[in-house]
Amino acid sequence: MPLEGIGYQAVDIERNRHYGHPSLIAYIERLGLRVNEAGFGPMLVGDMAQPRGGPMPYGHVSHQTGLDVDIWFRLDLPFLERSEREELEQPILVDPRTQRLDERWTAEHAELIRLAADDPRVARIFVDGAVKRDLCEREWDDRSWLRLVRPWHSHDEHLHVRLRCPPDQPECIDQPAPPPGDGCNAIAATPRPEVYPSPGRSLPPACRAILEQ
């Protein structure tokens, strides 16, 4: 992915994780344009996938297929030089004691998620349960996109977008569709776990052939 563009800039560039399927790159660039038109940002684009995909040595169980991207909630930075985008602070916006969003959460964060979800390529967006609860409590002319926003732990400082399988990838298998409705009933808290799972190392034959090259 180009490391900066209209409405976005990549962060933690030295991790070398800004690779993805062309549909993901096009999605990010379109979202950047929409964020710029909305008058806020630039949005910060975190991990996507490694150059050949596959399991990462640390940090993620997913992000293996080139269809996932982390977008930080932080919206207070101007465009920075690439050298200035390493090891930036990534504030956690959910109080671990109350499991509620703190005062730094704004309507712009909610609008960022709505813009991210408003794309036919999106399969799911993962956020903290407190974020989902806030979105459900807001007034929206169209609430259909809320169905795609799913509560998941450790997403209290970024949103994780997962795209549907592109039509040119017959071996890609989509997750089942989210349940009907907006998912706003009985949202459970999603505290960070004490122990995180490790990425699975069992790969399909096609993936092993790529990674062994």
N, C-alpha and C. Protein backbone atom coordinates (compact mmCIF):
# COMPACT_ATOMS: atom_id res chain seq x y z
N MET A 1 0.85 -1.18 0.00
CA MET A 1 0.00 0.00 0.00
C MET A 1 0.89 1.24 0.00
N PRO A 2 0.54 2.28 -0.77
CA PRO A 2 1.26 3.55 -0.62
C PRO A 2 1.20 4.00 0.84
N LEU A 3 2.31 4.42 1.40
CA LEU A 3 2.40 4.68 2.83
C LEU A 3 1.73 5.97 3.27
N GLU A 4 1.28 6.77 2.34
CA GLU A 4 0.45 7.93 2.64
C GLU A 4 -0.38 8.27 1.42
N GLY A 5 -1.51 8.89 1.65
CA GLY A 5 -2.41 9.28 0.57
C GLY A 5 -3.43 10.27 1.10
N ILE A 6 -4.40 10.58 0.29
CA ILE A 6 -5.43 11.54 0.72
C ILE A 6 -6.19 10.96 1.91
N GLY A 7 -6.13 11.65 3.03
CA GLY A 7 -6.91 11.27 4.20
C GLY A 7 -6.33 10.17 5.06
N TYR A 8 -5.12 9.66 4.75
CA TYR A 8 -4.56 8.59 5.57
C TYR A 8 -3.04 8.63 5.54
N GLN A 9 -2.44 8.00 6.56
CA GLN A 9 -1.00 7.76 6.58
C GLN A 9 -0.74 6.47 7.36
N ALA A 10 0.20 5.68 6.87
CA ALA A 10 0.57 4.43 7.53
C ALA A 10 1.45 4.72 8.73
N VAL A 11 1.30 3.92 9.79
CA VAL A 11 2.11 4.05 10.99
C VAL A 11 2.83 2.73 11.26
N ASP A 12 3.88 2.79 12.10
CA ASP A 12 4.71 1.62 12.40
C ASP A 12 5.19 0.96 11.11
N ILE A 13 5.76 1.77 10.25
CA ILE A 13 6.16 1.32 8.92
C ILE A 13 7.25 0.25 8.99
N GLU A 14 8.14 0.35 9.96
CA GLU A 14 9.26 -0.58 10.05
C GLU A 14 8.81 -2.01 10.35
N ARG A 15 7.58 -2.20 10.80
CA ARG A 15 7.07 -3.56 11.02
C ARG A 15 6.86 -4.30 9.70
N ASN A 16 6.78 -3.55 8.59
CA ASN A 16 6.65 -4.14 7.25
C ASN A 16 5.38 -4.98 7.13
N ARG A 17 4.26 -4.37 7.53
CA ARG A 17 2.98 -5.09 7.51
C ARG A 17 1.91 -4.34 6.74
N HIS A 18 2.30 -3.53 5.78
CA HIS A 18 1.32 -2.77 5.00
C HIS A 18 1.15 -3.36 3.61
N TYR A 19 0.81 -4.65 3.59
CA TYR A 19 0.55 -5.37 2.34
C TYR A 19 -0.86 -5.93 2.39
N GLY A 20 -1.47 -6.08 1.23
CA GLY A 20 -2.81 -6.62 1.20
C GLY A 20 -3.27 -6.89 -0.22
N HIS A 21 -4.39 -7.56 -0.34
CA HIS A 21 -5.02 -7.79 -1.64
C HIS A 21 -5.35 -6.43 -2.26
N PRO A 22 -5.32 -6.31 -3.59
CA PRO A 22 -5.67 -5.03 -4.22
C PRO A 22 -7.01 -4.47 -3.77
N SER A 23 -7.96 -5.33 -3.44
CA SER A 23 -9.26 -4.83 -2.98
C SER A 23 -9.13 -4.14 -1.63
N LEU A 24 -8.22 -4.62 -0.77
CA LEU A 24 -8.02 -3.98 0.52
C LEU A 24 -7.35 -2.62 0.35
N ILE A 25 -6.36 -2.55 -0.52
CA ILE A 25 -5.69 -1.28 -0.77
C ILE A 25 -6.66 -0.26 -1.34
N ALA A 26 -7.49 -0.69 -2.29
CA ALA A 26 -8.50 0.21 -2.86
C ALA A 26 -9.50 0.65 -1.79
N TYR A 27 -9.85 -0.27 -0.90
CA TYR A 27 -10.78 0.08 0.19
C TYR A 27 -10.19 1.16 1.09
N ILE A 28 -8.93 1.01 1.48
CA ILE A 28 -8.29 1.99 2.36
C ILE A 28 -8.20 3.35 1.67
N GLU A 29 -7.82 3.36 0.40
CA GLU A 29 -7.70 4.63 -0.31
C GLU A 29 -9.06 5.31 -0.43
N ARG A 30 -10.12 4.55 -0.68
CA ARG A 30 -11.47 5.14 -0.76
C ARG A 30 -11.89 5.67 0.61
N LEU A 31 -11.60 4.92 1.67
CA LEU A 31 -11.96 5.38 3.00
C LEU A 31 -11.20 6.66 3.35
N GLY A 32 -9.93 6.74 2.96
CA GLY A 32 -9.17 7.96 3.17
C GLY A 32 -9.82 9.16 2.51
N LEU A 33 -10.28 8.97 1.28
CA LEU A 33 -10.97 10.06 0.58
C LEU A 33 -12.22 10.50 1.33
N ARG A 34 -12.97 9.55 1.85
CA ARG A 34 -14.21 9.88 2.55
C ARG A 34 -13.93 10.55 3.89
N VAL A 35 -12.88 10.11 4.57
CA VAL A 35 -12.48 10.77 5.82
C VAL A 35 -12.05 12.21 5.53
N ASN A 36 -11.30 12.40 4.47
CA ASN A 36 -10.87 13.75 4.10
C ASN A 36 -12.07 14.63 3.77
N GLU A 37 -13.03 14.09 3.03
CA GLU A 37 -14.24 14.85 2.70
C GLU A 37 -15.05 15.19 3.94
N ALA A 38 -15.00 14.32 4.94
CA ALA A 38 -15.74 14.57 6.18
C ALA A 38 -15.08 15.64 7.03
N GLY A 39 -13.83 16.00 6.72
CA GLY A 39 -13.17 17.10 7.39
C GLY A 39 -12.42 16.73 8.65
N PHE A 40 -12.07 15.44 8.83
CA PHE A 40 -11.24 15.08 9.97
C PHE A 40 -10.19 14.08 9.54
N GLY A 41 -9.31 13.74 10.45
CA GLY A 41 -8.20 12.87 10.10
C GLY A 41 -6.94 13.69 9.95
N PRO A 42 -5.89 13.15 9.36
CA PRO A 42 -5.86 11.89 8.63
C PRO A 42 -6.00 10.67 9.55
N MET A 43 -6.56 9.60 8.99
CA MET A 43 -6.64 8.37 9.74
C MET A 43 -5.28 7.67 9.69
N LEU A 44 -5.01 6.92 10.75
CA LEU A 44 -3.75 6.21 10.88
C LEU A 44 -3.97 4.74 10.56
N VAL A 45 -3.26 4.24 9.55
CA VAL A 45 -3.43 2.86 9.10
C VAL A 45 -2.34 2.01 9.74
N GLY A 46 -2.74 1.07 10.58
CA GLY A 46 -1.80 0.18 11.24
C GLY A 46 -1.58 -1.09 10.44
N ASP A 47 -1.50 -2.20 11.13
CA ASP A 47 -1.14 -3.48 10.50
C ASP A 47 -2.17 -3.92 9.47
N MET A 48 -1.65 -4.41 8.35
CA MET A 48 -2.45 -5.09 7.34
C MET A 48 -1.99 -6.55 7.32
N ALA A 49 -1.08 -6.89 6.43
CA ALA A 49 -0.52 -8.23 6.38
C ALA A 49 0.96 -8.14 6.02
N GLN A 50 1.65 -9.28 6.14
CA GLN A 50 3.05 -9.36 5.76
C GLN A 50 3.17 -9.47 4.23
N PRO A 51 4.38 -9.31 3.68
CA PRO A 51 4.52 -9.34 2.22
C PRO A 51 3.92 -10.58 1.56
N ARG A 52 4.03 -11.74 2.17
CA ARG A 52 3.44 -12.96 1.61
C ARG A 52 2.28 -13.49 2.44
N GLY A 53 1.78 -12.66 3.33
CA GLY A 53 0.68 -13.10 4.17
C GLY A 53 1.15 -14.09 5.22
N GLY A 54 0.25 -14.95 5.66
CA GLY A 54 0.59 -15.97 6.63
C GLY A 54 0.65 -15.45 8.05
N PRO A 55 0.89 -16.35 9.01
CA PRO A 55 0.89 -15.96 10.43
C PRO A 55 2.04 -15.04 10.77
N MET A 56 1.73 -14.04 11.60
CA MET A 56 2.76 -13.10 12.04
C MET A 56 3.46 -13.66 13.28
N PRO A 57 4.71 -13.27 13.49
CA PRO A 57 5.43 -13.79 14.66
C PRO A 57 4.88 -13.30 15.98
N TYR A 58 4.17 -12.16 15.97
CA TYR A 58 3.58 -11.62 17.19
C TYR A 58 2.49 -10.63 16.82
N GLY A 59 1.57 -10.40 17.75
CA GLY A 59 0.62 -9.31 17.61
C GLY A 59 -0.75 -9.65 17.06
N HIS A 60 -0.87 -10.72 16.27
CA HIS A 60 -2.16 -11.02 15.65
C HIS A 60 -2.33 -12.53 15.46
N VAL A 61 -3.57 -12.97 15.60
CA VAL A 61 -3.93 -14.32 15.16
C VAL A 61 -4.46 -14.26 13.73
N SER A 62 -5.15 -13.17 13.40
CA SER A 62 -5.68 -12.98 12.05
C SER A 62 -4.66 -12.22 11.21
N HIS A 63 -5.11 -11.41 10.28
CA HIS A 63 -4.23 -10.61 9.41
C HIS A 63 -3.33 -11.51 8.55
N GLN A 64 -3.83 -12.65 8.13
CA GLN A 64 -2.99 -13.58 7.38
C GLN A 64 -3.30 -13.61 5.89
N THR A 65 -4.46 -13.10 5.48
CA THR A 65 -4.91 -13.29 4.11
C THR A 65 -4.87 -12.04 3.24
N GLY A 66 -4.44 -10.92 3.81
CA GLY A 66 -4.43 -9.68 3.03
C GLY A 66 -5.77 -9.01 2.92
N LEU A 67 -6.71 -9.37 3.81
CA LEU A 67 -8.06 -8.79 3.78
C LEU A 67 -8.41 -8.08 5.09
N ASP A 68 -7.42 -7.87 5.96
CA ASP A 68 -7.65 -7.24 7.26
C ASP A 68 -6.80 -5.99 7.38
N VAL A 69 -7.33 -4.99 8.08
CA VAL A 69 -6.56 -3.77 8.35
C VAL A 69 -7.01 -3.19 9.69
N ASP A 70 -6.02 -2.72 10.45
CA ASP A 70 -6.29 -1.99 11.69
C ASP A 70 -6.23 -0.50 11.42
N ILE A 71 -7.25 0.23 11.84
CA ILE A 71 -7.29 1.68 11.71
C ILE A 71 -7.40 2.26 13.11
N TRP A 72 -6.43 3.06 13.48
CA TRP A 72 -6.37 3.60 14.83
C TRP A 72 -7.51 4.59 15.06
N PHE A 73 -7.94 4.67 16.32
CA PHE A 73 -8.92 5.67 16.70
C PHE A 73 -8.30 7.06 16.83
N ARG A 74 -6.98 7.14 16.90
CA ARG A 74 -6.34 8.43 17.10
C ARG A 74 -6.52 9.30 15.86
N LEU A 75 -7.11 10.49 16.06
CA LEU A 75 -7.42 11.39 14.94
C LEU A 75 -6.84 12.79 15.15
N ASP A 76 -5.89 12.91 16.08
CA ASP A 76 -5.42 14.24 16.47
C ASP A 76 -4.08 14.62 15.85
N LEU A 77 -3.56 13.82 14.95
CA LEU A 77 -2.22 14.08 14.41
C LEU A 77 -2.31 14.67 13.00
N PRO A 78 -1.40 15.57 12.67
CA PRO A 78 -1.29 16.04 11.28
C PRO A 78 -0.53 15.00 10.46
N PHE A 79 -0.35 15.28 9.18
CA PHE A 79 0.52 14.43 8.38
C PHE A 79 1.95 14.55 8.89
N LEU A 80 2.60 13.41 9.10
CA LEU A 80 3.94 13.37 9.67
C LEU A 80 4.93 12.78 8.66
N GLU A 81 6.20 13.08 8.87
CA GLU A 81 7.24 12.41 8.11
C GLU A 81 7.24 10.92 8.48
N ARG A 82 7.69 10.08 7.56
CA ARG A 82 7.67 8.64 7.83
C ARG A 82 8.44 8.28 9.08
N SER A 83 9.57 8.94 9.30
CA SER A 83 10.38 8.65 10.48
C SER A 83 9.66 9.01 11.78
N GLU A 84 8.67 9.88 11.71
CA GLU A 84 7.94 10.31 12.89
C GLU A 84 6.76 9.40 13.22
N ARG A 85 6.51 8.41 12.37
CA ARG A 85 5.33 7.56 12.54
C ARG A 85 5.65 6.22 13.19
N GLU A 86 6.83 6.11 13.78
CA GLU A 86 7.21 4.87 14.46
C GLU A 86 6.94 5.00 15.96
N GLU A 87 6.37 3.94 16.53
CA GLU A 87 6.16 3.85 17.98
C GLU A 87 5.36 5.03 18.53
N LEU A 88 4.36 5.46 17.79
CA LEU A 88 3.46 6.49 18.28
C LEU A 88 2.61 5.94 19.42
N GLU A 89 2.22 6.81 20.31
CA GLU A 89 1.32 6.40 21.39
C GLU A 89 -0.04 6.04 20.81
N GLN A 90 -0.59 4.94 21.29
CA GLN A 90 -1.90 4.48 20.83
C GLN A 90 -2.83 4.42 22.05
N PRO A 91 -3.47 5.54 22.41
CA PRO A 91 -4.22 5.59 23.68
C PRO A 91 -5.41 4.63 23.70
N ILE A 92 -5.57 3.96 24.82
CA ILE A 92 -6.74 3.12 25.07
C ILE A 92 -7.88 4.02 25.55
N LEU A 93 -9.01 3.96 24.88
CA LEU A 93 -10.11 4.89 25.16
C LEU A 93 -11.21 4.29 26.03
N VAL A 94 -11.01 3.07 26.52
CA VAL A 94 -12.00 2.41 27.37
C VAL A 94 -11.41 2.24 28.77
N ASP A 95 -12.15 2.70 29.77
CA ASP A 95 -11.72 2.57 31.16
C ASP A 95 -11.81 1.10 31.57
N PRO A 96 -10.71 0.47 31.98
CA PRO A 96 -10.76 -0.96 32.30
C PRO A 96 -11.60 -1.27 33.53
N ARG A 97 -11.83 -0.27 34.39
CA ARG A 97 -12.63 -0.49 35.60
C ARG A 97 -14.12 -0.43 35.30
N THR A 98 -14.54 0.59 34.55
CA THR A 98 -15.97 0.79 34.28
C THR A 98 -16.41 0.17 32.96
N GLN A 99 -15.44 -0.17 32.10
CA GLN A 99 -15.74 -0.66 30.77
C GLN A 99 -16.61 0.33 29.98
N ARG A 100 -16.33 1.62 30.19
CA ARG A 100 -17.00 2.69 29.46
C ARG A 100 -15.95 3.52 28.74
N LEU A 101 -16.36 4.17 27.66
CA LEU A 101 -15.47 5.07 26.93
C LEU A 101 -15.15 6.30 27.76
N ASP A 102 -13.94 6.83 27.60
CA ASP A 102 -13.59 8.02 28.36
C ASP A 102 -13.89 9.29 27.56
N GLU A 103 -13.50 10.44 28.12
CA GLU A 103 -13.88 11.72 27.54
C GLU A 103 -13.20 12.02 26.21
N ARG A 104 -12.21 11.24 25.83
CA ARG A 104 -11.53 11.48 24.55
C ARG A 104 -12.32 10.96 23.36
N TRP A 105 -13.32 10.14 23.61
CA TRP A 105 -14.15 9.59 22.54
C TRP A 105 -15.07 10.67 22.01
N THR A 106 -15.15 10.82 20.69
CA THR A 106 -15.94 11.89 20.08
C THR A 106 -16.86 11.35 18.98
N ALA A 107 -17.70 12.24 18.49
CA ALA A 107 -18.57 11.88 17.36
C ALA A 107 -17.77 11.55 16.11
N GLU A 108 -16.57 12.13 15.98
CA GLU A 108 -15.73 11.82 14.82
C GLU A 108 -15.29 10.36 14.82
N HIS A 109 -15.01 9.81 16.00
CA HIS A 109 -14.66 8.39 16.07
C HIS A 109 -15.83 7.52 15.60
N ALA A 110 -17.02 7.86 16.07
CA ALA A 110 -18.21 7.11 15.65
C ALA A 110 -18.42 7.22 14.14
N GLU A 111 -18.21 8.42 13.59
CA GLU A 111 -18.39 8.61 12.16
C GLU A 111 -17.32 7.86 11.37
N LEU A 112 -16.11 7.78 11.89
CA LEU A 112 -15.06 7.00 11.23
C LEU A 112 -15.51 5.55 11.07
N ILE A 113 -16.09 4.98 12.11
CA ILE A 113 -16.55 3.59 12.02
C ILE A 113 -17.69 3.45 11.03
N ARG A 114 -18.61 4.41 11.05
CA ARG A 114 -19.72 4.34 10.09
C ARG A 114 -19.20 4.39 8.66
N LEU A 115 -18.27 5.28 8.38
CA LEU A 115 -17.69 5.36 7.04
C LEU A 115 -16.98 4.07 6.68
N ALA A 116 -16.27 3.49 7.65
CA ALA A 116 -15.55 2.24 7.39
C ALA A 116 -16.50 1.10 7.07
N ALA A 117 -17.66 1.09 7.74
CA ALA A 117 -18.63 0.00 7.53
C ALA A 117 -19.45 0.18 6.27
N ASP A 118 -19.55 1.41 5.77
CA ASP A 118 -20.41 1.72 4.63
C ASP A 118 -19.70 1.42 3.32
N ASP A 119 -19.43 0.14 3.10
CA ASP A 119 -18.75 -0.30 1.88
C ASP A 119 -19.14 -1.75 1.65
N PRO A 120 -19.59 -2.11 0.46
CA PRO A 120 -20.07 -3.48 0.23
C PRO A 120 -19.00 -4.54 0.38
N ARG A 121 -17.73 -4.15 0.41
CA ARG A 121 -16.65 -5.13 0.56
C ARG A 121 -16.46 -5.58 2.00
N VAL A 122 -17.05 -4.87 2.95
CA VAL A 122 -16.80 -5.14 4.36
C VAL A 122 -17.62 -6.34 4.84
N ALA A 123 -16.92 -7.28 5.50
CA ALA A 123 -17.59 -8.42 6.11
C ALA A 123 -17.87 -8.18 7.58
N ARG A 124 -16.90 -7.61 8.29
CA ARG A 124 -17.03 -7.33 9.72
C ARG A 124 -16.10 -6.20 10.10
N ILE A 125 -16.48 -5.53 11.19
CA ILE A 125 -15.60 -4.57 11.85
C ILE A 125 -15.60 -4.93 13.33
N PHE A 126 -14.42 -5.12 13.89
CA PHE A 126 -14.29 -5.49 15.29
C PHE A 126 -13.91 -4.26 16.12
N VAL A 127 -14.64 -4.04 17.21
CA VAL A 127 -14.37 -2.94 18.14
C VAL A 127 -14.65 -3.45 19.55
N ASP A 128 -14.20 -2.70 20.54
CA ASP A 128 -14.51 -3.02 21.93
C ASP A 128 -16.02 -2.94 22.16
N GLY A 129 -16.50 -3.72 23.14
CA GLY A 129 -17.92 -3.69 23.45
C GLY A 129 -18.42 -2.31 23.83
N ALA A 130 -17.59 -1.52 24.50
CA ALA A 130 -18.00 -0.15 24.87
C ALA A 130 -18.19 0.72 23.64
N VAL A 131 -17.39 0.49 22.62
CA VAL A 131 -17.53 1.24 21.37
C VAL A 131 -18.84 0.85 20.68
N LYS A 132 -19.11 -0.43 20.62
CA LYS A 132 -20.36 -0.90 20.01
C LYS A 132 -21.56 -0.32 20.75
N ARG A 133 -21.49 -0.28 22.06
CA ARG A 133 -22.60 0.26 22.85
C ARG A 133 -22.82 1.73 22.53
N ASP A 134 -21.72 2.49 22.40
CA ASP A 134 -21.85 3.91 22.05
C ASP A 134 -22.49 4.09 20.69
N LEU A 135 -22.08 3.29 19.72
CA LEU A 135 -22.66 3.40 18.38
C LEU A 135 -24.16 3.10 18.41
N CYS A 136 -24.55 2.11 19.19
CA CYS A 136 -25.96 1.74 19.27
C CYS A 136 -26.80 2.83 19.92
N GLU A 137 -26.21 3.60 20.84
CA GLU A 137 -26.95 4.63 21.55
C GLU A 137 -27.11 5.91 20.74
N ARG A 138 -26.40 6.02 19.63
CA ARG A 138 -26.48 7.23 18.80
C ARG A 138 -27.64 7.12 17.81
N GLU A 139 -28.10 8.28 17.35
CA GLU A 139 -29.16 8.33 16.35
C GLU A 139 -28.52 8.29 14.96
N TRP A 140 -28.96 7.34 14.15
CA TRP A 140 -28.48 7.21 12.78
C TRP A 140 -29.67 7.10 11.84
N ASP A 141 -29.60 7.77 10.71
CA ASP A 141 -30.69 7.65 9.72
C ASP A 141 -30.80 6.22 9.21
N ASP A 142 -29.68 5.57 9.03
CA ASP A 142 -29.63 4.18 8.57
C ASP A 142 -28.81 3.39 9.58
N ARG A 143 -29.39 2.36 10.16
CA ARG A 143 -28.71 1.57 11.18
C ARG A 143 -28.26 0.20 10.65
N SER A 144 -28.44 -0.06 9.39
CA SER A 144 -28.15 -1.39 8.86
C SER A 144 -26.67 -1.76 9.00
N TRP A 145 -25.78 -0.78 8.90
CA TRP A 145 -24.34 -1.06 8.98
C TRP A 145 -23.91 -1.53 10.35
N LEU A 146 -24.71 -1.22 11.39
CA LEU A 146 -24.35 -1.64 12.74
C LEU A 146 -24.25 -3.16 12.86
N ARG A 147 -24.94 -3.87 12.01
CA ARG A 147 -24.88 -5.34 12.03
C ARG A 147 -23.46 -5.84 11.82
N LEU A 148 -22.67 -5.11 11.04
CA LEU A 148 -21.32 -5.55 10.72
C LEU A 148 -20.33 -5.27 11.84
N VAL A 149 -20.69 -4.41 12.78
CA VAL A 149 -19.78 -4.02 13.86
C VAL A 149 -19.96 -4.99 15.02
N ARG A 150 -18.89 -5.75 15.31
CA ARG A 150 -18.97 -6.83 16.29
C ARG A 150 -18.05 -6.55 17.48
N PRO A 151 -18.53 -6.76 18.71
CA PRO A 151 -17.68 -6.55 19.88
C PRO A 151 -16.58 -7.61 19.96
N TRP A 152 -15.36 -7.16 20.25
CA TRP A 152 -14.24 -8.09 20.41
C TRP A 152 -13.20 -7.44 21.30
N HIS A 153 -12.59 -8.24 22.15
CA HIS A 153 -11.62 -7.69 23.10
C HIS A 153 -10.39 -7.13 22.37
N SER A 154 -9.69 -6.24 23.05
CA SER A 154 -8.42 -5.66 22.60
C SER A 154 -8.59 -4.75 21.39
N HIS A 155 -9.79 -4.25 21.19
CA HIS A 155 -10.05 -3.29 20.12
C HIS A 155 -10.60 -1.99 20.73
N ASP A 156 -9.89 -1.54 21.77
CA ASP A 156 -10.27 -0.34 22.51
C ASP A 156 -9.44 0.87 22.10
N GLU A 157 -8.54 0.69 21.10
CA GLU A 157 -7.77 1.81 20.58
C GLU A 157 -7.70 1.80 19.07
N HIS A 158 -8.37 0.83 18.45
CA HIS A 158 -8.43 0.77 16.99
C HIS A 158 -9.64 -0.04 16.56
N LEU A 159 -10.03 0.12 15.31
CA LEU A 159 -11.03 -0.75 14.71
C LEU A 159 -10.34 -1.66 13.71
N HIS A 160 -10.82 -2.86 13.62
CA HIS A 160 -10.26 -3.88 12.74
C HIS A 160 -11.29 -4.19 11.66
N VAL A 161 -10.94 -3.88 10.42
CA VAL A 161 -11.84 -4.12 9.29
C VAL A 161 -11.43 -5.42 8.61
N ARG A 162 -12.40 -6.27 8.36
CA ARG A 162 -12.18 -7.50 7.57
C ARG A 162 -13.07 -7.45 6.34
N LEU A 163 -12.49 -7.65 5.17
CA LEU A 163 -13.25 -7.62 3.92
C LEU A 163 -13.75 -9.01 3.56
N ARG A 164 -14.77 -9.02 2.70
CA ARG A 164 -15.26 -10.27 2.14
C ARG A 164 -14.23 -10.83 1.17
N CYS A 165 -14.35 -12.10 0.85
CA CYS A 165 -13.46 -12.72 -0.13
C CYS A 165 -13.64 -12.05 -1.49
N PRO A 166 -12.56 -11.63 -2.12
CA PRO A 166 -12.68 -11.06 -3.47
C PRO A 166 -13.12 -12.11 -4.48
N PRO A 167 -13.81 -11.71 -5.54
CA PRO A 167 -14.31 -12.69 -6.51
C PRO A 167 -13.21 -13.44 -7.26
N ASP A 168 -11.99 -12.91 -7.28
CA ASP A 168 -10.91 -13.58 -8.00
C ASP A 168 -10.11 -14.53 -7.12
N GLN A 169 -10.63 -14.86 -5.93
CA GLN A 169 -9.93 -15.75 -5.00
C GLN A 169 -10.83 -16.94 -4.66
N PRO A 170 -10.93 -17.94 -5.53
CA PRO A 170 -11.86 -19.04 -5.30
C PRO A 170 -11.54 -19.89 -4.07
N GLU A 171 -10.29 -19.89 -3.61
CA GLU A 171 -9.95 -20.69 -2.44
C GLU A 171 -10.22 -19.95 -1.12
N CYS A 172 -10.58 -18.70 -1.21
CA CYS A 172 -10.92 -17.91 -0.02
C CYS A 172 -12.33 -18.28 0.45
N ILE A 173 -12.51 -18.47 1.75
CA ILE A 173 -13.79 -18.85 2.32
C ILE A 173 -14.25 -17.76 3.29
N ASP A 174 -15.41 -17.16 3.00
CA ASP A 174 -15.95 -16.12 3.87
C ASP A 174 -16.44 -16.70 5.19
N GLN A 175 -16.39 -15.89 6.23
CA GLN A 175 -17.07 -16.24 7.47
C GLN A 175 -18.57 -16.22 7.24
N PRO A 176 -19.33 -16.97 8.06
CA PRO A 176 -20.79 -16.84 7.99
C PRO A 176 -21.20 -15.39 8.24
N ALA A 177 -22.29 -14.97 7.65
CA ALA A 177 -22.78 -13.60 7.84
C ALA A 177 -23.15 -13.38 9.31
N PRO A 178 -23.01 -12.15 9.82
CA PRO A 178 -23.44 -11.87 11.19
C PRO A 178 -24.93 -12.15 11.35
N PRO A 179 -25.40 -12.39 12.57
CA PRO A 179 -26.82 -12.64 12.79
C PRO A 179 -27.66 -11.45 12.34
N PRO A 180 -28.93 -11.67 12.04
CA PRO A 180 -29.81 -10.56 11.66
C PRO A 180 -29.92 -9.52 12.78
N GLY A 181 -30.29 -8.31 12.40
CA GLY A 181 -30.46 -7.24 13.36
C GLY A 181 -29.21 -6.39 13.50
N ASP A 182 -29.29 -5.37 14.37
CA ASP A 182 -28.17 -4.44 14.51
C ASP A 182 -27.18 -4.85 15.58
N GLY A 183 -27.45 -5.96 16.27
CA GLY A 183 -26.51 -6.44 17.28
C GLY A 183 -26.42 -5.57 18.51
N CYS A 184 -27.46 -4.80 18.81
CA CYS A 184 -27.42 -3.84 19.90
C CYS A 184 -28.06 -4.34 21.19
N ASN A 185 -28.48 -5.58 21.23
CA ASN A 185 -29.10 -6.13 22.44
C ASN A 185 -28.06 -6.86 23.29
N ALA A 186 -28.05 -6.54 24.59
CA ALA A 186 -27.21 -7.25 25.56
C ALA A 186 -25.75 -7.34 25.11
N ILE A 187 -25.14 -6.17 24.91
CA ILE A 187 -23.73 -6.14 24.52
C ILE A 187 -22.86 -6.41 25.74
N ALA A 188 -22.09 -7.48 25.70
CA ALA A 188 -21.25 -7.85 26.83
C ALA A 188 -19.97 -7.03 26.84
N ALA A 189 -19.40 -6.86 28.03
CA ALA A 189 -18.10 -6.20 28.14
C ALA A 189 -17.04 -7.07 27.50
N THR A 190 -16.01 -6.44 26.99
CA THR A 190 -14.94 -7.17 26.29
C THR A 190 -13.58 -6.77 26.88
N PRO A 191 -13.33 -7.10 28.15
CA PRO A 191 -12.03 -6.75 28.74
C PRO A 191 -10.89 -7.50 28.05
N ARG A 192 -9.71 -6.93 28.12
CA ARG A 192 -8.54 -7.57 27.54
C ARG A 192 -8.21 -8.86 28.30
N PRO A 193 -7.92 -9.96 27.60
CA PRO A 193 -7.59 -11.21 28.28
C PRO A 193 -6.20 -11.16 28.90
N GLU A 194 -5.98 -11.99 29.91
CA GLU A 194 -4.66 -12.06 30.53
C GLU A 194 -3.67 -12.79 29.64
N VAL A 195 -4.16 -13.75 28.86
CA VAL A 195 -3.29 -14.52 27.96
C VAL A 195 -3.88 -14.48 26.56
N TYR A 196 -3.04 -14.21 25.59
CA TYR A 196 -3.48 -14.15 24.20
C TYR A 196 -3.10 -15.43 23.46
N PRO A 197 -3.96 -15.90 22.56
CA PRO A 197 -3.60 -17.10 21.78
C PRO A 197 -2.50 -16.80 20.78
N SER A 198 -1.78 -17.83 20.39
CA SER A 198 -0.74 -17.70 19.37
C SER A 198 -1.32 -17.99 18.01
N PRO A 199 -0.79 -17.38 16.95
CA PRO A 199 -1.29 -17.67 15.60
C PRO A 199 -1.13 -19.14 15.24
N GLY A 200 -2.14 -19.70 14.57
CA GLY A 200 -2.04 -21.07 14.10
C GLY A 200 -0.99 -21.19 13.01
N ARG A 201 -0.28 -22.29 13.01
CA ARG A 201 0.80 -22.49 12.03
C ARG A 201 0.45 -23.54 10.99
N SER A 202 -0.78 -24.06 11.03
CA SER A 202 -1.22 -25.04 10.05
C SER A 202 -1.76 -24.29 8.83
N LEU A 203 -1.07 -24.41 7.69
CA LEU A 203 -1.41 -23.64 6.50
C LEU A 203 -1.93 -24.53 5.39
N PRO A 204 -2.86 -24.01 4.57
CA PRO A 204 -3.27 -24.74 3.37
C PRO A 204 -2.08 -24.95 2.43
N PRO A 205 -2.13 -25.98 1.60
CA PRO A 205 -1.01 -26.25 0.68
C PRO A 205 -0.65 -25.06 -0.20
N ALA A 206 -1.65 -24.32 -0.68
CA ALA A 206 -1.35 -23.18 -1.55
C ALA A 206 -0.54 -22.11 -0.80
N CYS A 207 -0.85 -21.93 0.48
CA CYS A 207 -0.11 -20.94 1.28
C CYS A 207 1.31 -21.42 1.54
N ARG A 208 1.46 -22.71 1.83
CA ARG A 208 2.81 -23.22 2.09
C ARG A 208 3.69 -23.06 0.85
N ALA A 209 3.12 -23.25 -0.32
CA ALA A 209 3.90 -23.12 -1.55
C ALA A 209 4.41 -21.70 -1.73
N ILE A 210 3.58 -20.70 -1.35
CA ILE A 210 3.99 -19.30 -1.48
C ILE A 210 5.07 -18.96 -0.46
N LEU A 211 4.87 -19.36 0.78
CA LEU A 211 5.80 -18.97 1.84
C LEU A 211 7.14 -19.69 1.72
N GLU A 212 7.19 -20.82 1.02
CA GLU A 212 8.44 -21.55 0.87
C GLU A 212 9.28 -21.04 -0.29
N GLN A 213 8.73 -20.13 -1.09
CA GLN A 213 9.50 -19.61 -2.24
C GLN A 213 10.63 -18.70 -1.76
